[in-house]
N, C-alpha and C. Protein backbone atom coordinates (compact mmCIF):
# COMPACT_ATOMS: atom_id res chain seq x y z
N MET A 1 10.39 10.74 26.06
CA MET A 1 10.09 9.45 25.51
C MET A 1 11.22 8.49 25.80
N SER A 2 10.91 7.27 26.11
CA SER A 2 11.88 6.25 26.45
C SER A 2 12.63 5.77 25.21
N ASP A 3 13.87 5.34 25.43
CA ASP A 3 14.65 4.74 24.34
C ASP A 3 14.10 3.38 23.96
N ASN A 4 13.35 2.74 24.84
CA ASN A 4 12.85 1.39 24.64
C ASN A 4 11.43 1.38 24.10
N VAL A 5 11.20 2.09 23.05
CA VAL A 5 9.88 2.13 22.43
C VAL A 5 9.64 0.81 21.70
N GLU A 6 8.45 0.31 21.83
CA GLU A 6 8.10 -0.96 21.19
C GLU A 6 8.08 -0.80 19.67
N VAL A 7 8.65 -1.77 19.01
CA VAL A 7 8.59 -1.87 17.55
C VAL A 7 7.71 -3.07 17.25
N ARG A 8 6.64 -2.85 16.52
CA ARG A 8 5.75 -3.94 16.13
C ARG A 8 6.20 -4.48 14.78
N TYR A 9 6.43 -5.79 14.74
CA TYR A 9 6.75 -6.48 13.50
C TYR A 9 5.44 -7.05 12.97
N ILE A 10 5.09 -6.68 11.74
CA ILE A 10 3.82 -7.09 11.16
C ILE A 10 4.02 -7.61 9.74
N SER A 11 3.01 -8.23 9.22
CA SER A 11 3.02 -8.68 7.83
C SER A 11 3.03 -7.45 6.92
N ALA A 12 3.68 -7.57 5.79
CA ALA A 12 3.67 -6.48 4.80
C ALA A 12 2.25 -6.18 4.33
N GLN A 13 1.35 -7.15 4.46
CA GLN A 13 -0.04 -6.94 4.05
C GLN A 13 -0.79 -6.02 5.01
N GLU A 14 -0.23 -5.78 6.19
CA GLU A 14 -0.88 -4.94 7.19
C GLU A 14 -0.47 -3.47 7.13
N LEU A 15 0.30 -3.08 6.13
CA LEU A 15 0.71 -1.69 6.01
C LEU A 15 -0.50 -0.77 5.93
N THR A 16 -0.36 0.44 6.48
CA THR A 16 -1.47 1.39 6.48
C THR A 16 -1.19 2.65 5.68
N ARG A 17 0.07 2.97 5.45
CA ARG A 17 0.43 4.22 4.76
C ARG A 17 0.37 4.02 3.25
N PRO A 18 -0.33 4.89 2.52
CA PRO A 18 -0.51 4.71 1.06
C PRO A 18 0.79 4.57 0.28
N VAL A 19 1.80 5.37 0.58
CA VAL A 19 3.04 5.27 -0.19
C VAL A 19 3.71 3.92 0.05
N LEU A 20 3.57 3.36 1.24
CA LEU A 20 4.17 2.06 1.52
C LEU A 20 3.39 0.93 0.89
N ILE A 21 2.10 1.09 0.78
CA ILE A 21 1.28 0.09 0.07
C ILE A 21 1.68 0.05 -1.41
N LYS A 22 1.94 1.23 -1.98
CA LYS A 22 2.41 1.29 -3.38
C LYS A 22 3.81 0.69 -3.51
N ALA A 23 4.67 0.95 -2.52
CA ALA A 23 6.02 0.38 -2.53
C ALA A 23 5.97 -1.13 -2.43
N ARG A 24 5.06 -1.65 -1.61
CA ARG A 24 4.90 -3.10 -1.49
C ARG A 24 4.50 -3.70 -2.84
N ALA A 25 3.56 -3.06 -3.53
CA ALA A 25 3.13 -3.56 -4.85
C ALA A 25 4.31 -3.51 -5.83
N TRP A 26 5.09 -2.43 -5.79
CA TRP A 26 6.26 -2.30 -6.66
C TRP A 26 7.23 -3.46 -6.39
N ALA A 27 7.51 -3.70 -5.11
CA ALA A 27 8.46 -4.76 -4.75
C ALA A 27 7.93 -6.13 -5.12
N GLN A 28 6.66 -6.39 -4.84
CA GLN A 28 6.09 -7.72 -5.12
C GLN A 28 6.17 -8.07 -6.60
N GLU A 29 6.04 -7.08 -7.47
CA GLU A 29 6.14 -7.32 -8.91
C GLU A 29 7.54 -7.77 -9.31
N ARG A 30 8.54 -7.47 -8.49
CA ARG A 30 9.93 -7.72 -8.84
C ARG A 30 10.59 -8.83 -8.02
N LEU A 31 9.89 -9.40 -7.05
CA LEU A 31 10.48 -10.44 -6.21
C LEU A 31 10.77 -11.70 -7.02
N ASP A 32 11.89 -12.35 -6.70
CA ASP A 32 12.22 -13.64 -7.30
C ASP A 32 11.30 -14.70 -6.72
N THR A 33 11.43 -15.91 -7.22
CA THR A 33 10.59 -17.01 -6.73
C THR A 33 10.85 -17.31 -5.25
N ASP A 34 12.01 -16.90 -4.72
CA ASP A 34 12.31 -17.11 -3.30
C ASP A 34 11.84 -15.95 -2.42
N GLY A 35 11.13 -14.99 -3.03
CA GLY A 35 10.59 -13.87 -2.26
C GLY A 35 11.57 -12.76 -1.98
N MET A 36 12.67 -12.73 -2.73
CA MET A 36 13.68 -11.70 -2.53
C MET A 36 13.85 -10.87 -3.79
N LEU A 37 14.35 -9.67 -3.59
CA LEU A 37 14.61 -8.74 -4.68
C LEU A 37 16.07 -8.88 -5.09
N ASP A 38 16.32 -8.93 -6.38
CA ASP A 38 17.69 -8.96 -6.85
C ASP A 38 18.26 -7.54 -6.80
N ARG A 39 19.53 -7.44 -6.47
CA ARG A 39 20.22 -6.15 -6.35
C ARG A 39 20.06 -5.29 -7.61
N ALA A 40 19.92 -5.90 -8.77
CA ALA A 40 19.79 -5.16 -10.03
C ALA A 40 18.56 -4.25 -10.05
N HIS A 41 17.56 -4.55 -9.22
CA HIS A 41 16.35 -3.71 -9.18
C HIS A 41 16.52 -2.46 -8.33
N VAL A 42 17.61 -2.38 -7.58
CA VAL A 42 17.80 -1.25 -6.67
C VAL A 42 18.64 -0.19 -7.36
N THR A 43 17.94 0.65 -8.14
CA THR A 43 18.59 1.77 -8.83
C THR A 43 17.71 3.00 -8.68
N ALA A 44 18.33 4.15 -8.74
CA ALA A 44 17.57 5.40 -8.58
C ALA A 44 16.44 5.53 -9.60
N PRO A 45 16.66 5.25 -10.88
CA PRO A 45 15.54 5.39 -11.82
C PRO A 45 14.36 4.47 -11.49
N LYS A 46 14.67 3.24 -11.07
CA LYS A 46 13.59 2.30 -10.75
C LYS A 46 12.85 2.68 -9.47
N LEU A 47 13.55 3.36 -8.57
CA LEU A 47 12.96 3.76 -7.28
C LEU A 47 12.45 5.19 -7.27
N ALA A 48 12.47 5.85 -8.41
CA ALA A 48 12.11 7.27 -8.48
C ALA A 48 10.81 7.64 -7.76
N PRO A 49 9.72 6.88 -7.89
CA PRO A 49 8.48 7.27 -7.22
C PRO A 49 8.58 7.24 -5.69
N PHE A 50 9.60 6.57 -5.16
CA PHE A 50 9.72 6.39 -3.71
C PHE A 50 11.01 6.98 -3.14
N ILE A 51 11.70 7.79 -3.91
CA ILE A 51 13.07 8.19 -3.57
C ILE A 51 13.19 8.85 -2.19
N ARG A 52 12.23 9.62 -1.75
CA ARG A 52 12.31 10.25 -0.42
C ARG A 52 12.06 9.25 0.70
N HIS A 53 11.52 8.10 0.36
CA HIS A 53 11.16 7.09 1.37
C HIS A 53 12.07 5.87 1.37
N ALA A 54 12.94 5.74 0.38
CA ALA A 54 13.73 4.51 0.19
C ALA A 54 15.14 4.62 0.77
N SER A 55 15.51 3.61 1.55
CA SER A 55 16.87 3.47 2.07
C SER A 55 17.40 2.11 1.62
N PHE A 56 18.71 2.03 1.49
CA PHE A 56 19.34 0.79 1.07
C PHE A 56 20.48 0.48 2.03
N PHE A 57 20.41 -0.69 2.67
CA PHE A 57 21.38 -1.08 3.69
C PHE A 57 22.14 -2.33 3.27
N GLU A 58 23.43 -2.36 3.58
CA GLU A 58 24.24 -3.56 3.44
C GLU A 58 24.58 -4.04 4.84
N PHE A 59 24.42 -5.34 5.08
CA PHE A 59 24.67 -5.91 6.40
C PHE A 59 26.05 -6.53 6.49
N PHE A 60 26.65 -6.43 7.68
CA PHE A 60 27.85 -7.20 8.02
C PHE A 60 27.34 -8.37 8.85
N ILE A 61 27.58 -9.58 8.36
CA ILE A 61 27.03 -10.77 8.99
C ILE A 61 28.18 -11.72 9.35
N ALA A 62 28.19 -12.16 10.62
CA ALA A 62 29.18 -13.13 11.08
C ALA A 62 28.43 -14.27 11.77
N ASP A 63 28.64 -15.48 11.29
CA ASP A 63 27.97 -16.67 11.84
C ASP A 63 26.46 -16.49 11.91
N GLY A 64 25.88 -15.91 10.85
CA GLY A 64 24.44 -15.74 10.76
C GLY A 64 23.88 -14.57 11.56
N GLN A 65 24.75 -13.81 12.21
CA GLN A 65 24.30 -12.69 13.05
C GLN A 65 24.69 -11.35 12.41
N VAL A 66 23.71 -10.44 12.33
CA VAL A 66 24.00 -9.09 11.84
C VAL A 66 24.77 -8.37 12.93
N THR A 67 25.99 -7.97 12.61
CA THR A 67 26.83 -7.27 13.59
C THR A 67 26.86 -5.77 13.37
N ASP A 68 26.61 -5.35 12.14
CA ASP A 68 26.60 -3.93 11.81
C ASP A 68 25.98 -3.79 10.43
N PHE A 69 25.85 -2.56 9.98
CA PHE A 69 25.31 -2.29 8.66
C PHE A 69 25.84 -0.94 8.18
N VAL A 70 25.80 -0.77 6.87
CA VAL A 70 26.14 0.51 6.24
C VAL A 70 24.89 0.98 5.51
N ALA A 71 24.55 2.22 5.73
CA ALA A 71 23.45 2.83 4.97
C ALA A 71 24.04 3.29 3.65
N LYS A 72 23.87 2.47 2.60
CA LYS A 72 24.37 2.84 1.28
C LYS A 72 23.68 4.11 0.80
N VAL A 73 22.36 4.17 1.04
CA VAL A 73 21.54 5.35 0.75
C VAL A 73 20.54 5.45 1.88
N LEU A 74 20.38 6.63 2.44
CA LEU A 74 19.41 6.83 3.51
C LEU A 74 18.31 7.77 3.00
N ALA A 75 17.08 7.35 3.18
CA ALA A 75 15.93 8.14 2.72
C ALA A 75 15.97 9.54 3.32
N GLY A 76 15.58 10.52 2.51
CA GLY A 76 15.51 11.89 2.99
C GLY A 76 14.63 12.02 4.22
N GLU A 77 13.53 11.26 4.24
CA GLU A 77 12.62 11.28 5.39
C GLU A 77 13.36 10.88 6.67
N ILE A 78 14.21 9.87 6.60
CA ILE A 78 14.94 9.41 7.78
C ILE A 78 16.04 10.40 8.14
N ALA A 79 16.79 10.85 7.16
CA ALA A 79 17.88 11.78 7.42
C ALA A 79 17.38 13.05 8.10
N GLU A 80 16.22 13.54 7.68
CA GLU A 80 15.67 14.76 8.27
C GLU A 80 15.11 14.52 9.67
N THR A 81 14.67 13.30 9.94
CA THR A 81 14.03 13.00 11.22
C THR A 81 15.02 12.50 12.26
N THR A 82 16.00 11.71 11.87
CA THR A 82 16.93 11.15 12.85
C THR A 82 18.33 11.72 12.63
N ILE A 83 19.10 11.08 11.75
CA ILE A 83 20.47 11.50 11.50
C ILE A 83 20.88 11.02 10.11
N GLU A 84 21.67 11.79 9.44
CA GLU A 84 22.15 11.41 8.11
C GLU A 84 23.37 10.52 8.28
N ILE A 85 23.26 9.26 7.85
CA ILE A 85 24.39 8.33 7.97
C ILE A 85 24.70 7.64 6.64
N SER A 86 24.31 8.22 5.53
CA SER A 86 24.61 7.59 4.24
C SER A 86 26.11 7.34 4.13
N GLY A 87 26.45 6.10 3.76
CA GLY A 87 27.85 5.74 3.59
C GLY A 87 28.57 5.44 4.90
N LYS A 88 27.85 5.43 6.02
CA LYS A 88 28.49 5.21 7.32
C LYS A 88 27.90 3.97 7.99
N THR A 89 28.67 3.41 8.91
CA THR A 89 28.19 2.27 9.67
C THR A 89 27.23 2.72 10.77
N GLY A 90 26.30 1.85 11.09
CA GLY A 90 25.34 2.16 12.14
C GLY A 90 25.97 2.17 13.52
N ARG A 91 26.78 1.17 13.82
CA ARG A 91 27.36 1.02 15.16
C ARG A 91 28.14 2.27 15.58
N ASN A 92 28.88 2.86 14.66
CA ASN A 92 29.73 4.00 14.99
C ASN A 92 29.07 5.36 14.85
N HIS A 93 27.85 5.41 14.29
CA HIS A 93 27.26 6.71 13.99
C HIS A 93 25.84 6.91 14.50
N LEU A 94 25.25 5.90 15.11
CA LEU A 94 23.89 6.04 15.65
C LEU A 94 23.93 5.89 17.17
N PRO A 95 23.00 6.54 17.88
CA PRO A 95 22.88 6.26 19.32
C PRO A 95 22.63 4.76 19.51
N ALA A 96 23.20 4.19 20.54
CA ALA A 96 23.13 2.73 20.76
C ALA A 96 21.71 2.17 20.70
N PRO A 97 20.70 2.79 21.33
CA PRO A 97 19.35 2.21 21.24
C PRO A 97 18.79 2.21 19.81
N LEU A 98 19.09 3.24 19.04
CA LEU A 98 18.61 3.29 17.66
C LEU A 98 19.36 2.28 16.79
N PHE A 99 20.68 2.19 17.00
CA PHE A 99 21.45 1.17 16.28
C PHE A 99 20.87 -0.22 16.54
N GLU A 100 20.59 -0.52 17.80
CA GLU A 100 20.09 -1.86 18.15
C GLU A 100 18.72 -2.10 17.53
N ARG A 101 17.88 -1.08 17.49
CA ARG A 101 16.55 -1.22 16.88
C ARG A 101 16.70 -1.58 15.40
N TRP A 102 17.57 -0.87 14.69
CA TRP A 102 17.76 -1.12 13.26
C TRP A 102 18.49 -2.45 13.04
N ARG A 103 19.48 -2.77 13.87
CA ARG A 103 20.21 -4.03 13.74
C ARG A 103 19.25 -5.21 13.94
N THR A 104 18.36 -5.09 14.93
CA THR A 104 17.40 -6.15 15.20
C THR A 104 16.46 -6.36 14.02
N ALA A 105 16.03 -5.30 13.38
CA ALA A 105 15.18 -5.44 12.18
C ALA A 105 15.97 -6.14 11.06
N GLY A 106 17.24 -5.80 10.92
CA GLY A 106 18.09 -6.48 9.94
C GLY A 106 18.24 -7.95 10.25
N GLN A 107 18.39 -8.27 11.53
CA GLN A 107 18.50 -9.68 11.92
C GLN A 107 17.21 -10.44 11.63
N HIS A 108 16.09 -9.79 11.89
CA HIS A 108 14.79 -10.40 11.59
C HIS A 108 14.70 -10.74 10.10
N LEU A 109 15.18 -9.82 9.27
CA LEU A 109 15.16 -10.04 7.82
C LEU A 109 16.06 -11.22 7.44
N ILE A 110 17.26 -11.27 7.99
CA ILE A 110 18.19 -12.36 7.69
C ILE A 110 17.62 -13.69 8.17
N ASP A 111 17.02 -13.70 9.36
CA ASP A 111 16.47 -14.94 9.91
C ASP A 111 15.29 -15.47 9.12
N HIS A 112 14.44 -14.57 8.61
CA HIS A 112 13.21 -15.00 7.95
C HIS A 112 13.26 -14.93 6.43
N GLY A 113 14.11 -14.05 5.88
CA GLY A 113 14.30 -13.98 4.43
C GLY A 113 13.09 -13.57 3.63
N LYS A 114 12.16 -12.85 4.26
CA LYS A 114 10.99 -12.41 3.50
C LYS A 114 10.61 -10.99 3.92
N MET A 115 9.87 -10.36 3.04
CA MET A 115 9.42 -8.99 3.24
C MET A 115 8.52 -8.91 4.48
N PHE A 116 8.68 -7.83 5.27
CA PHE A 116 7.83 -7.61 6.42
C PHE A 116 7.74 -6.10 6.67
N ALA A 117 6.97 -5.72 7.67
CA ALA A 117 6.81 -4.30 7.99
C ALA A 117 6.99 -4.08 9.49
N THR A 118 7.25 -2.84 9.85
CA THR A 118 7.33 -2.46 11.26
C THR A 118 6.51 -1.19 11.48
N GLN A 119 6.06 -1.03 12.71
CA GLN A 119 5.37 0.19 13.14
C GLN A 119 5.91 0.56 14.51
N SER A 120 6.14 1.86 14.74
CA SER A 120 6.64 2.31 16.04
C SER A 120 6.53 3.82 16.16
N GLN A 121 6.84 4.30 17.35
CA GLN A 121 7.08 5.72 17.50
C GLN A 121 8.51 5.96 17.06
N VAL A 122 8.81 7.18 16.65
CA VAL A 122 10.16 7.52 16.21
C VAL A 122 11.05 7.72 17.43
N PHE A 123 12.26 7.23 17.35
CA PHE A 123 13.25 7.34 18.42
C PHE A 123 13.41 8.79 18.86
N GLU A 124 13.16 9.05 20.12
CA GLU A 124 13.31 10.37 20.76
C GLU A 124 12.45 11.47 20.13
N LYS A 125 11.35 11.11 19.49
CA LYS A 125 10.44 12.09 18.89
C LYS A 125 9.01 11.79 19.37
N GLU A 126 8.61 12.46 20.42
CA GLU A 126 7.27 12.25 20.95
C GLU A 126 6.23 12.65 19.91
N HIS A 127 5.19 11.87 19.78
CA HIS A 127 4.06 12.10 18.87
C HIS A 127 4.41 11.90 17.40
N LYS A 128 5.60 11.39 17.09
CA LYS A 128 5.96 11.11 15.71
C LYS A 128 6.01 9.59 15.53
N ASN A 129 5.34 9.12 14.50
CA ASN A 129 5.22 7.69 14.26
C ASN A 129 5.90 7.30 12.96
N ALA A 130 6.25 6.02 12.87
CA ALA A 130 6.90 5.51 11.67
C ALA A 130 6.30 4.17 11.28
N GLU A 131 6.25 3.97 9.99
CA GLU A 131 5.90 2.66 9.45
C GLU A 131 6.92 2.39 8.35
N SER A 132 7.44 1.16 8.32
CA SER A 132 8.45 0.79 7.33
C SER A 132 8.12 -0.53 6.67
N LEU A 133 8.48 -0.64 5.43
CA LEU A 133 8.43 -1.89 4.68
C LEU A 133 9.87 -2.31 4.45
N ILE A 134 10.23 -3.52 4.88
CA ILE A 134 11.59 -4.01 4.76
C ILE A 134 11.60 -5.16 3.75
N VAL A 135 12.39 -4.98 2.69
CA VAL A 135 12.42 -5.94 1.58
C VAL A 135 13.81 -6.58 1.51
N PRO A 136 13.87 -7.92 1.48
CA PRO A 136 15.17 -8.59 1.37
C PRO A 136 15.76 -8.40 -0.02
N VAL A 137 17.05 -8.09 -0.06
CA VAL A 137 17.75 -7.91 -1.33
C VAL A 137 18.97 -8.82 -1.35
N LYS A 138 19.07 -9.61 -2.41
CA LYS A 138 20.23 -10.47 -2.52
C LYS A 138 21.19 -9.90 -3.57
N ASN A 139 22.44 -10.07 -3.27
CA ASN A 139 23.53 -9.62 -4.12
C ASN A 139 24.34 -10.86 -4.47
N ASP A 140 24.44 -11.18 -5.75
CA ASP A 140 25.13 -12.40 -6.19
C ASP A 140 24.55 -13.64 -5.49
N GLY A 141 23.22 -13.66 -5.33
CA GLY A 141 22.55 -14.81 -4.75
C GLY A 141 22.56 -14.89 -3.23
N VAL A 142 23.15 -13.91 -2.56
CA VAL A 142 23.27 -13.93 -1.10
C VAL A 142 22.44 -12.79 -0.51
N LEU A 143 21.61 -13.12 0.48
CA LEU A 143 20.84 -12.10 1.19
C LEU A 143 21.77 -11.37 2.15
N ASP A 144 22.14 -10.14 1.79
CA ASP A 144 23.00 -9.34 2.66
C ASP A 144 22.70 -7.84 2.56
N HIS A 145 21.55 -7.53 1.96
CA HIS A 145 21.11 -6.14 1.83
C HIS A 145 19.62 -6.05 2.13
N SER A 146 19.16 -4.84 2.41
CA SER A 146 17.72 -4.61 2.52
C SER A 146 17.37 -3.28 1.87
N LEU A 147 16.19 -3.26 1.32
CA LEU A 147 15.60 -2.04 0.79
C LEU A 147 14.47 -1.69 1.75
N VAL A 148 14.53 -0.52 2.34
CA VAL A 148 13.57 -0.13 3.37
C VAL A 148 12.85 1.13 2.93
N PHE A 149 11.52 1.04 2.90
CA PHE A 149 10.68 2.19 2.59
C PHE A 149 10.06 2.66 3.90
N THR A 150 10.16 3.95 4.21
CA THR A 150 9.69 4.46 5.49
C THR A 150 8.86 5.72 5.30
N GLU A 151 7.82 5.82 6.10
CA GLU A 151 7.03 7.05 6.15
C GLU A 151 6.81 7.43 7.61
N TYR A 152 6.87 8.73 7.86
CA TYR A 152 6.63 9.29 9.19
C TYR A 152 5.38 10.14 9.16
N TRP A 153 4.73 10.23 10.31
CA TRP A 153 3.62 11.17 10.48
C TRP A 153 3.53 11.56 11.94
N VAL A 154 2.94 12.71 12.18
CA VAL A 154 2.81 13.25 13.53
C VAL A 154 1.36 13.13 13.97
N THR A 155 1.17 12.75 15.22
CA THR A 155 -0.16 12.77 15.82
C THR A 155 -0.17 13.86 16.87
N ASP A 156 -1.24 14.57 16.95
CA ASP A 156 -1.40 15.64 17.93
C ASP A 156 -2.22 15.08 19.09
N PRO A 157 -1.65 15.07 20.30
CA PRO A 157 -2.37 14.46 21.43
C PRO A 157 -3.65 15.20 21.80
N ARG A 158 -3.82 16.42 21.32
CA ARG A 158 -5.04 17.17 21.62
C ARG A 158 -6.21 16.70 20.77
N PHE A 159 -5.90 15.98 19.70
CA PHE A 159 -6.92 15.52 18.78
C PHE A 159 -6.75 14.03 18.56
N ASP A 160 -7.76 13.38 18.17
CA ASP A 160 -7.66 11.96 17.85
C ASP A 160 -7.46 11.83 16.35
N ASP A 161 -6.42 12.47 15.86
CA ASP A 161 -6.19 12.53 14.42
C ASP A 161 -4.72 12.77 14.17
N GLU A 162 -4.27 12.52 12.97
CA GLU A 162 -2.90 12.83 12.61
C GLU A 162 -2.87 14.18 11.92
N ILE A 163 -1.68 14.80 11.99
CA ILE A 163 -1.51 16.09 11.33
C ILE A 163 -0.39 16.01 10.33
């Protein structure tokens, strides 16, 4: 599989995975009037129903550009599928194509400031797909974090179905 797999950016309303649809409803109930989640909502007890799917990222931003990020918490689903980087920077701990994919999603969030979703194949995992819900999180009134809910599933090329 190529490192340059297409990532589709879609409306959060277009999510297809049930757990992500529930996560979207959870987030929408808590969004501020500006469409962002306050950092106070990002706690383990509040995220308990989604804990295997939820990641929390802090961005390093210079002149409006996301230059790097730290995975404050990485979802178990992601850690098992790609690499465990909780507490580490993306630039120094992810393969360059994967870092750029995640950095670009962070930049999209900073540029638009609203919840959105992505769909793609998983980096270097043939027949494995991912869908994510990316929620803007502000800390002290500043958008510099994201809460990301992700689900993976495998499709079997012998069948027109997922397994």
